[in-house]
Amino acid sequence: MTRQLLLRHDSFDQAAHDAGAEDRAAAGLTQLQLWRDDTGGHWALFSVNDATRAKAWLDKAASLGHAPSEHHFLETL
């Protein structure tokens, strides 16, 4: 099974997202897709190589006040 992480951002800064690529990679995340929905929200899909590090990355983002609006860990069947 493959684990993935789906994030939604109500507000999105492309430059800040791009600048965070190294931190996401260190957290075991690889970006697969980035979408914008019709309400202006942004969704990002990542493959997860290390769930523990990915969860720690989410916790750190929340503590710094820039966590995604929502997130979901998914597994392929």
N, C-alpha and C. Protein backbone atom coordinates (compact mmCIF):
# COMPACT_ATOMS: atom_id res chain seq x y z
N MET A 1 0.82 -1.18 0.00
CA MET A 1 0.00 0.00 0.00
C MET A 1 0.87 1.25 0.00
N THR A 2 0.36 2.25 -0.65
CA THR A 2 1.05 3.52 -0.72
C THR A 2 0.32 4.53 0.14
N ARG A 3 1.04 5.26 0.95
CA ARG A 3 0.45 6.30 1.80
C ARG A 3 0.65 7.65 1.13
N GLN A 4 -0.40 8.47 1.18
CA GLN A 4 -0.34 9.81 0.64
C GLN A 4 -0.94 10.79 1.64
N LEU A 5 -0.63 12.05 1.45
CA LEU A 5 -1.13 13.12 2.30
C LEU A 5 -1.78 14.16 1.41
N LEU A 6 -3.05 14.46 1.70
CA LEU A 6 -3.79 15.48 0.96
C LEU A 6 -3.99 16.68 1.88
N LEU A 7 -3.55 17.85 1.42
CA LEU A 7 -3.66 19.08 2.21
C LEU A 7 -4.57 20.07 1.50
N ARG A 8 -5.32 20.83 2.28
CA ARG A 8 -6.10 21.95 1.73
C ARG A 8 -5.66 23.22 2.43
N HIS A 9 -5.46 24.25 1.63
CA HIS A 9 -5.09 25.57 2.14
C HIS A 9 -6.17 26.56 1.72
N ASP A 10 -6.80 27.24 2.70
CA ASP A 10 -7.78 28.27 2.37
C ASP A 10 -7.11 29.48 1.76
N SER A 11 -5.95 29.84 2.28
CA SER A 11 -5.14 30.90 1.67
C SER A 11 -3.81 30.28 1.29
N PHE A 12 -3.26 30.72 0.19
CA PHE A 12 -2.09 30.04 -0.36
C PHE A 12 -1.11 31.07 -0.91
N ASP A 13 0.15 30.89 -0.55
CA ASP A 13 1.24 31.74 -1.03
C ASP A 13 2.21 30.83 -1.79
N GLN A 14 2.21 30.95 -3.11
CA GLN A 14 3.03 30.07 -3.95
C GLN A 14 4.51 30.19 -3.61
N ALA A 15 4.99 31.42 -3.36
CA ALA A 15 6.40 31.60 -3.05
C ALA A 15 6.77 30.90 -1.74
N ALA A 16 5.90 31.02 -0.73
CA ALA A 16 6.16 30.34 0.55
C ALA A 16 6.10 28.83 0.37
N HIS A 17 5.17 28.36 -0.45
CA HIS A 17 5.07 26.93 -0.72
C HIS A 17 6.36 26.42 -1.37
N ASP A 18 6.81 27.14 -2.38
CA ASP A 18 8.05 26.75 -3.07
C ASP A 18 9.24 26.77 -2.12
N ALA A 19 9.30 27.76 -1.24
CA ALA A 19 10.41 27.88 -0.29
C ALA A 19 10.41 26.74 0.73
N GLY A 20 9.26 26.11 0.96
CA GLY A 20 9.17 25.02 1.92
C GLY A 20 9.49 23.64 1.36
N ALA A 21 9.90 23.57 0.11
CA ALA A 21 10.14 22.29 -0.54
C ALA A 21 11.20 21.45 0.19
N GLU A 22 12.25 22.07 0.63
CA GLU A 22 13.33 21.34 1.31
C GLU A 22 12.84 20.76 2.64
N ASP A 23 12.07 21.55 3.39
CA ASP A 23 11.53 21.06 4.66
C ASP A 23 10.57 19.89 4.44
N ARG A 24 9.74 19.98 3.40
CA ARG A 24 8.82 18.87 3.10
C ARG A 24 9.60 17.62 2.71
N ALA A 25 10.65 17.79 1.92
CA ALA A 25 11.46 16.63 1.53
C ALA A 25 12.12 16.00 2.75
N ALA A 26 12.60 16.81 3.68
CA ALA A 26 13.20 16.28 4.91
C ALA A 26 12.17 15.55 5.76
N ALA A 27 10.89 15.90 5.58
CA ALA A 27 9.81 15.24 6.32
C ALA A 27 9.31 14.00 5.59
N GLY A 28 9.98 13.62 4.52
CA GLY A 28 9.59 12.41 3.78
C GLY A 28 8.42 12.61 2.85
N LEU A 29 8.18 13.85 2.41
CA LEU A 29 7.06 14.16 1.53
C LEU A 29 7.56 14.52 0.14
N THR A 30 6.89 14.00 -0.87
CA THR A 30 7.18 14.32 -2.26
C THR A 30 5.90 14.81 -2.90
N GLN A 31 5.93 16.03 -3.44
CA GLN A 31 4.72 16.59 -4.05
C GLN A 31 4.38 15.86 -5.33
N LEU A 32 3.11 15.47 -5.45
CA LEU A 32 2.61 14.81 -6.65
C LEU A 32 1.74 15.72 -7.50
N GLN A 33 0.88 16.50 -6.84
CA GLN A 33 -0.04 17.38 -7.56
C GLN A 33 -0.34 18.61 -6.73
N LEU A 34 -0.73 19.68 -7.41
CA LEU A 34 -1.19 20.90 -6.76
C LEU A 34 -2.37 21.40 -7.59
N TRP A 35 -3.51 21.66 -6.91
CA TRP A 35 -4.71 22.12 -7.59
C TRP A 35 -5.25 23.38 -6.93
N ARG A 36 -6.01 24.14 -7.69
CA ARG A 36 -6.78 25.27 -7.15
C ARG A 36 -8.24 24.95 -7.42
N ASP A 37 -9.10 25.05 -6.39
CA ASP A 37 -10.51 24.77 -6.61
C ASP A 37 -11.26 26.06 -6.94
N ASP A 38 -12.55 25.93 -7.24
CA ASP A 38 -13.33 27.08 -7.69
C ASP A 38 -13.67 28.06 -6.58
N THR A 39 -13.32 27.75 -5.33
CA THR A 39 -13.54 28.68 -4.22
C THR A 39 -12.26 29.43 -3.86
N GLY A 40 -11.17 29.15 -4.56
CA GLY A 40 -9.90 29.81 -4.28
C GLY A 40 -8.99 29.03 -3.36
N GLY A 41 -9.48 27.90 -2.85
CA GLY A 41 -8.65 27.04 -2.02
C GLY A 41 -7.64 26.29 -2.87
N HIS A 42 -6.58 25.86 -2.25
CA HIS A 42 -5.55 25.08 -2.93
C HIS A 42 -5.43 23.73 -2.24
N TRP A 43 -5.26 22.70 -3.03
CA TRP A 43 -5.07 21.33 -2.56
C TRP A 43 -3.71 20.84 -3.04
N ALA A 44 -3.02 20.12 -2.18
CA ALA A 44 -1.72 19.56 -2.54
C ALA A 44 -1.73 18.08 -2.15
N LEU A 45 -1.22 17.25 -3.04
CA LEU A 45 -1.12 15.82 -2.79
C LEU A 45 0.35 15.43 -2.75
N PHE A 46 0.73 14.72 -1.69
CA PHE A 46 2.11 14.29 -1.50
C PHE A 46 2.17 12.79 -1.28
N SER A 47 3.21 12.16 -1.77
CA SER A 47 3.49 10.80 -1.34
C SER A 47 4.21 10.90 0.00
N VAL A 48 3.97 9.93 0.87
CA VAL A 48 4.53 9.94 2.22
C VAL A 48 5.51 8.78 2.34
N ASN A 49 6.77 9.11 2.55
CA ASN A 49 7.81 8.09 2.72
C ASN A 49 8.04 7.73 4.18
N ASP A 50 7.65 8.64 5.09
CA ASP A 50 7.84 8.43 6.52
C ASP A 50 6.70 9.14 7.26
N ALA A 51 5.71 8.38 7.68
CA ALA A 51 4.52 8.97 8.31
C ALA A 51 4.85 9.71 9.60
N THR A 52 5.79 9.20 10.37
CA THR A 52 6.15 9.85 11.62
C THR A 52 6.73 11.23 11.37
N ARG A 53 7.64 11.34 10.40
CA ARG A 53 8.22 12.65 10.08
C ARG A 53 7.18 13.58 9.46
N ALA A 54 6.28 13.03 8.65
CA ALA A 54 5.23 13.85 8.04
C ALA A 54 4.31 14.42 9.11
N LYS A 55 3.94 13.61 10.10
CA LYS A 55 3.09 14.10 11.19
C LYS A 55 3.83 15.16 12.01
N ALA A 56 5.11 14.97 12.23
CA ALA A 56 5.90 15.98 12.96
C ALA A 56 5.96 17.28 12.16
N TRP A 57 6.06 17.19 10.85
CA TRP A 57 6.07 18.38 10.00
C TRP A 57 4.74 19.12 10.12
N LEU A 58 3.62 18.40 10.11
CA LEU A 58 2.31 19.02 10.29
C LEU A 58 2.20 19.69 11.65
N ASP A 59 2.67 19.02 12.70
CA ASP A 59 2.64 19.58 14.06
C ASP A 59 3.46 20.87 14.13
N LYS A 60 4.63 20.87 13.51
CA LYS A 60 5.48 22.06 13.51
C LYS A 60 4.79 23.20 12.76
N ALA A 61 4.18 22.90 11.61
CA ALA A 61 3.47 23.94 10.85
C ALA A 61 2.34 24.53 11.68
N ALA A 62 1.63 23.68 12.41
CA ALA A 62 0.54 24.16 13.27
C ALA A 62 1.07 25.06 14.38
N SER A 63 2.19 24.68 14.98
CA SER A 63 2.75 25.47 16.07
C SER A 63 3.26 26.83 15.59
N LEU A 64 3.62 26.91 14.32
CA LEU A 64 4.10 28.17 13.74
C LEU A 64 2.97 29.00 13.15
N GLY A 65 1.74 28.45 13.17
CA GLY A 65 0.59 29.19 12.68
C GLY A 65 0.36 29.16 11.19
N HIS A 66 0.98 28.23 10.49
CA HIS A 66 0.75 28.15 9.04
C HIS A 66 0.45 26.72 8.59
N ALA A 67 -0.33 26.03 9.41
CA ALA A 67 -0.75 24.68 9.06
C ALA A 67 -1.81 24.74 7.96
N PRO A 68 -1.97 23.67 7.21
CA PRO A 68 -3.05 23.64 6.22
C PRO A 68 -4.41 23.71 6.91
N SER A 69 -5.42 24.14 6.17
CA SER A 69 -6.77 24.22 6.70
C SER A 69 -7.30 22.85 7.10
N GLU A 70 -6.92 21.85 6.34
CA GLU A 70 -7.26 20.47 6.68
C GLU A 70 -6.23 19.55 6.04
N HIS A 71 -6.13 18.36 6.59
CA HIS A 71 -5.22 17.37 6.00
C HIS A 71 -5.81 15.98 6.21
N HIS A 72 -5.44 15.09 5.29
CA HIS A 72 -5.93 13.72 5.33
C HIS A 72 -4.80 12.79 4.89
N PHE A 73 -4.50 11.79 5.72
CA PHE A 73 -3.60 10.72 5.30
C PHE A 73 -4.44 9.66 4.60
N LEU A 74 -4.00 9.23 3.43
CA LEU A 74 -4.74 8.27 2.61
C LEU A 74 -3.85 7.10 2.28
N GLU A 75 -4.46 5.96 2.06
CA GLU A 75 -3.70 4.78 1.61
C GLU A 75 -4.40 4.17 0.42
N THR A 76 -3.62 3.78 -0.57
CA THR A 76 -4.20 3.09 -1.72
C THR A 76 -4.56 1.67 -1.29
N LEU A 77 -5.54 1.12 -1.94
CA LEU A 77 -5.98 -0.24 -1.62
C LEU A 77 -5.43 -1.24 -2.61
